[in-house]
């Protein structure tokens, strides 16, 4: 059984609940992702915590965030 791993991403451009919903929805579709939590920072970069089964596919995660219209900065 795989252990859950949490990866922190920093996402820029989110400033409302709809933004959070869009990013959460796209990241939830990445293979292995179990849950997504966003600490919205309306004035800058927001930390996004992704719980996944095993290592997160960072390129897929970045593509998912881009699909939602935002940018992963770290």
PDB file of N, CA and C in Angstrom:
ATOM      1  N   UNK A   1       0.834  -1.184   0.000  1.00  0.00           N
ATOM      2  CA  UNK A   1       0.000   0.000   0.000  1.00  0.00           C
ATOM      3  C   UNK A   1       0.877   1.244   0.000  1.00  0.00           C
ATOM      4  N   UNK A   2       0.556   2.180  -0.869  1.00  0.00           N
ATOM      5  CA  UNK A   2       1.333   3.407  -0.957  1.00  0.00           C
ATOM      6  C   UNK A   2       1.001   4.345   0.194  1.00  0.00           C
ATOM      7  N   UNK A   3       2.025   5.041   0.642  1.00  0.00           N
ATOM      8  CA  UNK A   3       1.838   6.019   1.690  1.00  0.00           C
ATOM      9  C   UNK A   3       1.496   7.365   1.053  1.00  0.00           C
ATOM     10  N   UNK A   4       0.594   8.091   1.696  1.00  0.00           N
ATOM     11  CA  UNK A   4       0.230   9.404   1.179  1.00  0.00           C
ATOM     12  C   UNK A   4       1.386  10.374   1.371  1.00  0.00           C
ATOM     13  N   UNK A   5       1.676  11.126   0.301  1.00  0.00           N
ATOM     14  CA  UNK A   5       2.707  12.154   0.366  1.00  0.00           C
ATOM     15  C   UNK A   5       2.049  13.504   0.099  1.00  0.00           C
ATOM     16  N   UNK A   6       2.508  14.528   0.806  1.00  0.00           N
ATOM     17  CA  UNK A   6       1.984  15.871   0.602  1.00  0.00           C
ATOM     18  C   UNK A   6       3.045  16.708  -0.091  1.00  0.00           C
ATOM     19  N   UNK A   7       2.636  17.358  -1.173  1.00  0.00           N
ATOM     20  CA  UNK A   7       3.516  18.236  -1.927  1.00  0.00           C
ATOM     21  C   UNK A   7       2.944  19.639  -1.854  1.00  0.00           C
ATOM     22  N   UNK A   8       3.804  20.608  -1.538  1.00  0.00           N
ATOM     23  CA  UNK A   8       3.353  22.001  -1.502  1.00  0.00           C
ATOM     24  C   UNK A   8       3.754  22.693  -2.797  1.00  0.00           C
ATOM     25  N   UNK A   9       2.771  23.287  -3.452  1.00  0.00           N
ATOM     26  CA  UNK A   9       3.007  24.086  -4.651  1.00  0.00           C
ATOM     27  C   UNK A   9       2.680  25.529  -4.306  1.00  0.00           C
ATOM     28  N   UNK A  10       3.326  26.473  -4.968  1.00  0.00           N
ATOM     29  CA  UNK A  10       2.991  27.874  -4.806  1.00  0.00           C
ATOM     30  C   UNK A  10       2.367  28.331  -6.114  1.00  0.00           C
ATOM     31  N   UNK A  11       1.128  28.820  -6.027  1.00  0.00           N
ATOM     32  CA  UNK A  11       0.365  29.188  -7.222  1.00  0.00           C
ATOM     33  C   UNK A  11       0.042  30.683  -7.170  1.00  0.00           C
ATOM     34  N   UNK A  12       0.281  31.362  -8.286  1.00  0.00           N
ATOM     35  CA  UNK A  12      -0.022  32.781  -8.366  1.00  0.00           C
ATOM     36  C   UNK A  12      -1.248  33.024  -9.230  1.00  0.00           C
ATOM     37  N   UNK A  13      -1.943  34.118  -8.946  1.00  0.00           N
ATOM     38  CA  UNK A  13      -3.069  34.551  -9.763  1.00  0.00           C
ATOM     39  C   UNK A  13      -4.435  34.254  -9.190  1.00  0.00           C
ATOM     40  N   UNK A  14      -4.508  33.461  -8.132  1.00  0.00           N
ATOM     41  CA  UNK A  14      -5.813  33.147  -7.539  1.00  0.00           C
ATOM     42  C   UNK A  14      -6.218  34.275  -6.593  1.00  0.00           C
ATOM     43  N   UNK A  15      -7.497  34.712  -6.672  1.00  0.00           N
ATOM     44  CA  UNK A  15      -7.938  35.766  -5.766  1.00  0.00           C
ATOM     45  C   UNK A  15      -9.367  35.594  -5.267  1.00  0.00           C
ATOM     46  N   UNK A  16      -9.967  34.426  -5.507  1.00  0.00           N
ATOM     47  CA  UNK A  16     -11.342  34.214  -5.036  1.00  0.00           C
ATOM     48  C   UNK A  16     -11.637  32.721  -4.917  1.00  0.00           C
ATOM     49  N   UNK A  17     -12.800  32.424  -4.370  1.00  0.00           N
ATOM     50  CA  UNK A  17     -13.207  31.034  -4.199  1.00  0.00           C
ATOM     51  C   UNK A  17     -13.341  30.285  -5.508  1.00  0.00           C
ATOM     52  N   UNK A  18     -13.770  30.971  -6.563  1.00  0.00           N
ATOM     53  CA  UNK A  18     -13.894  30.315  -7.869  1.00  0.00           C
ATOM     54  C   UNK A  18     -12.519  29.882  -8.369  1.00  0.00           C
ATOM     55  N   UNK A  19     -11.508  30.727  -8.144  1.00  0.00           N
ATOM     56  CA  UNK A  19     -10.131  30.375  -8.528  1.00  0.00           C
ATOM     57  C   UNK A  19      -9.694  29.089  -7.813  1.00  0.00           C
ATOM     58  N   UNK A  20      -9.968  29.054  -6.516  1.00  0.00           N
ATOM     59  CA  UNK A  20      -9.608  27.888  -5.707  1.00  0.00           C
ATOM     60  C   UNK A  20     -10.312  26.641  -6.239  1.00  0.00           C
ATOM     61  N   UNK A  21     -11.590  26.775  -6.564  1.00  0.00           N
ATOM     62  CA  UNK A  21     -12.354  25.642  -7.089  1.00  0.00           C
ATOM     63  C   UNK A  21     -11.771  25.142  -8.407  1.00  0.00           C
ATOM     64  N   UNK A  22     -11.392  26.064  -9.281  1.00  0.00           N
ATOM     65  CA  UNK A  22     -10.835  25.687 -10.582  1.00  0.00           C
ATOM     66  C   UNK A  22      -9.526  24.921 -10.420  1.00  0.00           C
ATOM     67  N   UNK A  23      -8.638  25.435  -9.580  1.00  0.00           N
ATOM     68  CA  UNK A  23      -7.344  24.785  -9.358  1.00  0.00           C
ATOM     69  C   UNK A  23      -7.545  23.426  -8.689  1.00  0.00           C
ATOM     70  N   UNK A  24      -8.424  23.373  -7.692  1.00  0.00           N
ATOM     71  CA  UNK A  24      -8.689  22.118  -6.984  1.00  0.00           C
ATOM     72  C   UNK A  24      -9.234  21.070  -7.949  1.00  0.00           C
ATOM     73  N   UNK A  25     -10.175  21.474  -8.796  1.00  0.00           N
ATOM     74  CA  UNK A  25     -10.782  20.534  -9.744  1.00  0.00           C
ATOM     75  C   UNK A  25      -9.737  19.979 -10.711  1.00  0.00           C
ATOM     76  N   UNK A  26      -8.912  20.843 -11.272  1.00  0.00           N
ATOM     77  CA  UNK A  26      -7.899  20.382 -12.236  1.00  0.00           C
ATOM     78  C   UNK A  26      -6.859  19.491 -11.565  1.00  0.00           C
ATOM     79  N   UNK A  27      -6.375  19.881 -10.389  1.00  0.00           N
ATOM     80  CA  UNK A  27      -5.371  19.067  -9.703  1.00  0.00           C
ATOM     81  C   UNK A  27      -5.939  17.717  -9.272  1.00  0.00           C
ATOM     82  N   UNK A  28      -7.223  17.675  -8.936  1.00  0.00           N
ATOM     83  CA  UNK A  28      -7.852  16.428  -8.501  1.00  0.00           C
ATOM     84  C   UNK A  28      -7.891  15.389  -9.613  1.00  0.00           C
ATOM     85  N   UNK A  29      -7.769  15.841 -10.860  1.00  0.00           N
ATOM     86  CA  UNK A  29      -7.781  14.923 -11.999  1.00  0.00           C
ATOM     87  C   UNK A  29      -6.410  14.321 -12.308  1.00  0.00           C
ATOM     88  N   UNK A  30      -5.357  14.823 -11.659  1.00  0.00           N
ATOM     89  CA  UNK A  30      -4.018  14.269 -11.866  1.00  0.00           C
ATOM     90  C   UNK A  30      -3.965  12.882 -11.225  1.00  0.00           C
ATOM     91  N   UNK A  31      -3.392  11.946 -11.924  1.00  0.00           N
ATOM     92  CA  UNK A  31      -3.322  10.568 -11.435  1.00  0.00           C
ATOM     93  C   UNK A  31      -2.642  10.488 -10.078  1.00  0.00           C
ATOM     94  N   UNK A  32      -3.284   9.777  -9.156  1.00  0.00           N
ATOM     95  CA  UNK A  32      -2.722   9.556  -7.829  1.00  0.00           C
ATOM     96  C   UNK A  32      -3.110  10.598  -6.793  1.00  0.00           C
ATOM     97  N   UNK A  33      -3.706  11.707  -7.203  1.00  0.00           N
ATOM     98  CA  UNK A  33      -4.058  12.763  -6.251  1.00  0.00           C
ATOM     99  C   UNK A  33      -5.273  12.339  -5.433  1.00  0.00           C
ATOM    100  N   UNK A  34      -5.129  12.450  -4.113  1.00  0.00           N
ATOM    101  CA  UNK A  34      -6.211  12.092  -3.201  1.00  0.00           C
ATOM    102  C   UNK A  34      -6.988  13.320  -2.738  1.00  0.00           C
ATOM    103  N   UNK A  35      -6.272  14.407  -2.456  1.00  0.00           N
ATOM    104  CA  UNK A  35      -6.957  15.617  -1.994  1.00  0.00           C
ATOM    105  C   UNK A  35      -6.097  16.845  -2.275  1.00  0.00           C
ATOM    106  N   UNK A  36      -6.767  17.998  -2.281  1.00  0.00           N
ATOM    107  CA  UNK A  36      -6.102  19.271  -2.549  1.00  0.00           C
ATOM    108  C   UNK A  36      -6.617  20.287  -1.538  1.00  0.00           C
ATOM    109  N   UNK A  37      -5.696  21.032  -0.915  1.00  0.00           N
ATOM    110  CA  UNK A  37      -6.065  22.106   0.011  1.00  0.00           C
ATOM    111  C   UNK A  37      -5.370  23.384  -0.446  1.00  0.00           C
ATOM    112  N   UNK A  38      -6.105  24.484  -0.443  1.00  0.00           N
ATOM    113  CA  UNK A  38      -5.553  25.763  -0.870  1.00  0.00           C
ATOM    114  C   UNK A  38      -5.696  26.765   0.271  1.00  0.00           C
ATOM    115  N   UNK A  39      -4.598  27.449   0.607  1.00  0.00           N
ATOM    116  CA  UNK A  39      -4.652  28.574   1.545  1.00  0.00           C
ATOM    117  C   UNK A  39      -4.616  29.833   0.695  1.00  0.00           C
ATOM    118  N   UNK A  40      -5.792  30.367   0.388  1.00  0.00           N
ATOM    119  CA  UNK A  40      -5.899  31.493  -0.535  1.00  0.00           C
ATOM    120  C   UNK A  40      -5.250  32.746   0.040  1.00  0.00           C
ATOM    121  N   UNK A  41      -4.347  33.329  -0.719  1.00  0.00           N
ATOM    122  CA  UNK A  41      -3.707  34.602  -0.404  1.00  0.00           C
ATOM    123  C   UNK A  41      -4.072  35.539  -1.550  1.00  0.00           C
ATOM    124  N   UNK A  42      -5.096  36.352  -1.357  1.00  0.00           N
ATOM    125  CA  UNK A  42      -5.621  37.189  -2.428  1.00  0.00           C
ATOM    126  C   UNK A  42      -4.612  38.203  -2.955  1.00  0.00           C
ATOM    127  N   UNK A  43      -3.601  38.516  -2.164  1.00  0.00           N
ATOM    128  CA  UNK A  43      -2.639  39.550  -2.545  1.00  0.00           C
ATOM    129  C   UNK A  43      -1.334  39.007  -3.116  1.00  0.00           C
ATOM    130  N   UNK A  44      -1.263  37.703  -3.348  1.00  0.00           N
ATOM    131  CA  UNK A  44      -0.008  37.163  -3.851  1.00  0.00           C
ATOM    132  C   UNK A  44      -0.087  35.678  -4.115  1.00  0.00           C
ATOM    133  N   UNK A  45       1.011  35.002  -3.863  1.00  0.00           N
ATOM    134  CA  UNK A  45       1.099  33.569  -4.121  1.00  0.00           C
ATOM    135  C   UNK A  45       0.382  32.787  -3.029  1.00  0.00           C
ATOM    136  N   UNK A  46      -0.353  31.761  -3.433  1.00  0.00           N
ATOM    137  CA  UNK A  46      -1.097  30.927  -2.491  1.00  0.00           C
ATOM    138  C   UNK A  46      -0.466  29.550  -2.390  1.00  0.00           C
ATOM    139  N   UNK A  47      -0.245  29.050  -1.157  1.00  0.00           N
ATOM    140  CA  UNK A  47       0.238  27.681  -1.024  1.00  0.00           C
ATOM    141  C   UNK A  47      -0.887  26.692  -1.310  1.00  0.00           C
ATOM    142  N   UNK A  48      -0.554  25.672  -2.079  1.00  0.00           N
ATOM    143  CA  UNK A  48      -1.505  24.619  -2.424  1.00  0.00           C
ATOM    144  C   UNK A  48      -0.887  23.296  -1.983  1.00  0.00           C
ATOM    145  N   UNK A  49      -1.605  22.539  -1.165  1.00  0.00           N
ATOM    146  CA  UNK A  49      -1.109  21.270  -0.638  1.00  0.00           C
ATOM    147  C   UNK A  49      -1.817  20.137  -1.356  1.00  0.00           C
ATOM    148  N   UNK A  50      -1.034  19.278  -1.991  1.00  0.00           N
ATOM    149  CA  UNK A  50      -1.581  18.173  -2.760  1.00  0.00           C
ATOM    150  C   UNK A  50      -1.182  16.861  -2.087  1.00  0.00           C
ATOM    151  N   UNK A  51      -2.173  16.092  -1.634  1.00  0.00           N
ATOM    152  CA  UNK A  51      -1.924  14.765  -1.067  1.00  0.00           C
ATOM    153  C   UNK A  51      -2.067  13.747  -2.188  1.00  0.00           C
ATOM    154  N   UNK A  52      -1.048  12.913  -2.345  1.00  0.00           N
ATOM    155  CA  UNK A  52      -1.072  11.938  -3.431  1.00  0.00           C
ATOM    156  C   UNK A  52      -0.556  10.589  -2.952  1.00  0.00           C
ATOM    157  N   UNK A  53      -0.911   9.570  -3.716  1.00  0.00           N
ATOM    158  CA  UNK A  53      -0.414   8.219  -3.466  1.00  0.00           C
ATOM    159  C   UNK A  53       0.973   8.145  -4.099  1.00  0.00           C
ATOM    160  N   UNK A  54       2.003   8.229  -3.293  1.00  0.00           N
ATOM    161  CA  UNK A  54       3.361   8.231  -3.831  1.00  0.00           C
ATOM    162  C   UNK A  54       3.736   9.614  -4.335  1.00  0.00           C
ATOM    163  N   UNK A  55       4.893   9.726  -4.984  1.00  0.00           N
ATOM    164  CA  UNK A  55       5.370  11.020  -5.464  1.00  0.00           C
ATOM    165  C   UNK A  55       4.410  11.648  -6.479  1.00  0.00           C
ATOM    166  N   UNK A  56       4.192  12.951  -6.329  1.00  0.00           N
ATOM    167  CA  UNK A  56       3.328  13.690  -7.253  1.00  0.00           C
ATOM    168  C   UNK A  56       4.071  13.916  -8.565  1.00  0.00           C
ATOM    169  N   UNK A  57       3.376  13.745  -9.677  1.00  0.00           N
ATOM    170  CA  UNK A  57       3.932  14.058 -10.991  1.00  0.00           C
ATOM    171  C   UNK A  57       3.886  15.582 -11.133  1.00  0.00           C
ATOM    172  N   UNK A  58       5.020  16.238 -10.860  1.00  0.00           N
ATOM    173  CA  UNK A  58       5.050  17.702 -10.839  1.00  0.00           C
ATOM    174  C   UNK A  58       4.700  18.322 -12.180  1.00  0.00           C
ATOM    175  N   UNK A  59       5.151  17.714 -13.263  1.00  0.00           N
ATOM    176  CA  UNK A  59       4.833  18.276 -14.582  1.00  0.00           C
ATOM    177  C   UNK A  59       3.336  18.205 -14.851  1.00  0.00           C
ATOM    178  N   UNK A  60       2.707  17.099 -14.459  1.00  0.00           N
ATOM    179  CA  UNK A  60       1.259  16.967 -14.626  1.00  0.00           C
ATOM    180  C   UNK A  60       0.527  17.966 -13.736  1.00  0.00           C
ATOM    181  N   UNK A  61       1.031  18.175 -12.532  1.00  0.00           N
ATOM    182  CA  UNK A  61       0.415  19.138 -11.616  1.00  0.00           C
ATOM    183  C   UNK A  61       0.522  20.551 -12.168  1.00  0.00           C
ATOM    184  N   UNK A  62       1.697  20.903 -12.679  1.00  0.00           N
ATOM    185  CA  UNK A  62       1.885  22.239 -13.266  1.00  0.00           C
ATOM    186  C   UNK A  62       0.980  22.431 -14.478  1.00  0.00           C
ATOM    187  N   UNK A  63       0.832  21.401 -15.283  1.00  0.00           N
ATOM    188  CA  UNK A  63      -0.041  21.475 -16.457  1.00  0.00           C
ATOM    189  C   UNK A  63      -1.498  21.637 -16.024  1.00  0.00           C
ATOM    190  N   UNK A  64      -1.895  20.957 -14.949  1.00  0.00           N
ATOM    191  CA  UNK A  64      -3.267  21.060 -14.447  1.00  0.00           C
ATOM    192  C   UNK A  64      -3.555  22.476 -13.955  1.00  0.00           C
ATOM    193  N   UNK A  65      -2.608  23.058 -13.234  1.00  0.00           N
ATOM    194  CA  UNK A  65      -2.778  24.432 -12.744  1.00  0.00           C
ATOM    195  C   UNK A  65      -2.842  25.399 -13.923  1.00  0.00           C
ATOM    196  N   UNK A  66      -1.999  25.180 -14.927  1.00  0.00           N
ATOM    197  CA  UNK A  66      -2.016  26.026 -16.130  1.00  0.00           C
ATOM    198  C   UNK A  66      -3.355  25.903 -16.859  1.00  0.00           C
ATOM    199  N   UNK A  67      -3.914  24.697 -16.876  1.00  0.00           N
ATOM    200  CA  UNK A  67      -5.210  24.463 -17.517  1.00  0.00           C
ATOM    201  C   UNK A  67      -6.304  25.288 -16.819  1.00  0.00           C
ATOM    202  N   UNK A  68      -6.158  25.456 -15.506  1.00  0.00           N
ATOM    203  CA  UNK A  68      -7.116  26.259 -14.748  1.00  0.00           C
ATOM    204  C   UNK A  68      -6.880  27.750 -14.951  1.00  0.00           C
ATOM    205  N   UNK A  69      -5.743  28.118 -15.542  1.00  0.00           N
ATOM    206  CA  UNK A  69      -5.460  29.517 -15.841  1.00  0.00           C
ATOM    207  C   UNK A  69      -4.506  30.196 -14.871  1.00  0.00           C
ATOM    208  N   UNK A  70      -3.743  29.398 -14.125  1.00  0.00           N
ATOM    209  CA  UNK A  70      -2.842  29.953 -13.110  1.00  0.00           C
ATOM    210  C   UNK A  70      -1.437  29.398 -13.309  1.00  0.00           C
ATOM    211  N   UNK A  71      -0.501  29.870 -12.470  1.00  0.00           N
ATOM    212  CA  UNK A  71       0.901  29.487 -12.649  1.00  0.00           C
ATOM    213  C   UNK A  71       1.491  28.953 -11.354  1.00  0.00           C
ATOM    214  N   UNK A  72       2.206  27.829 -11.454  1.00  0.00           N
ATOM    215  CA  UNK A  72       2.967  27.310 -10.315  1.00  0.00           C
ATOM    216  C   UNK A  72       4.319  27.997 -10.347  1.00  0.00           C
ATOM    217  N   UNK A  73       4.682  28.666  -9.248  1.00  0.00           N
ATOM    218  CA  UNK A  73       5.962  29.369  -9.193  1.00  0.00           C
ATOM    219  C   UNK A  73       7.023  28.574  -8.456  1.00  0.00           C
ATOM    220  N   UNK A  74       6.605  27.584  -7.679  1.00  0.00           N
ATOM    221  CA  UNK A  74       7.589  26.717  -7.006  1.00  0.00           C
ATOM    222  C   UNK A  74       6.922  25.432  -6.575  1.00  0.00           C
TER     223      UNK A  74
END
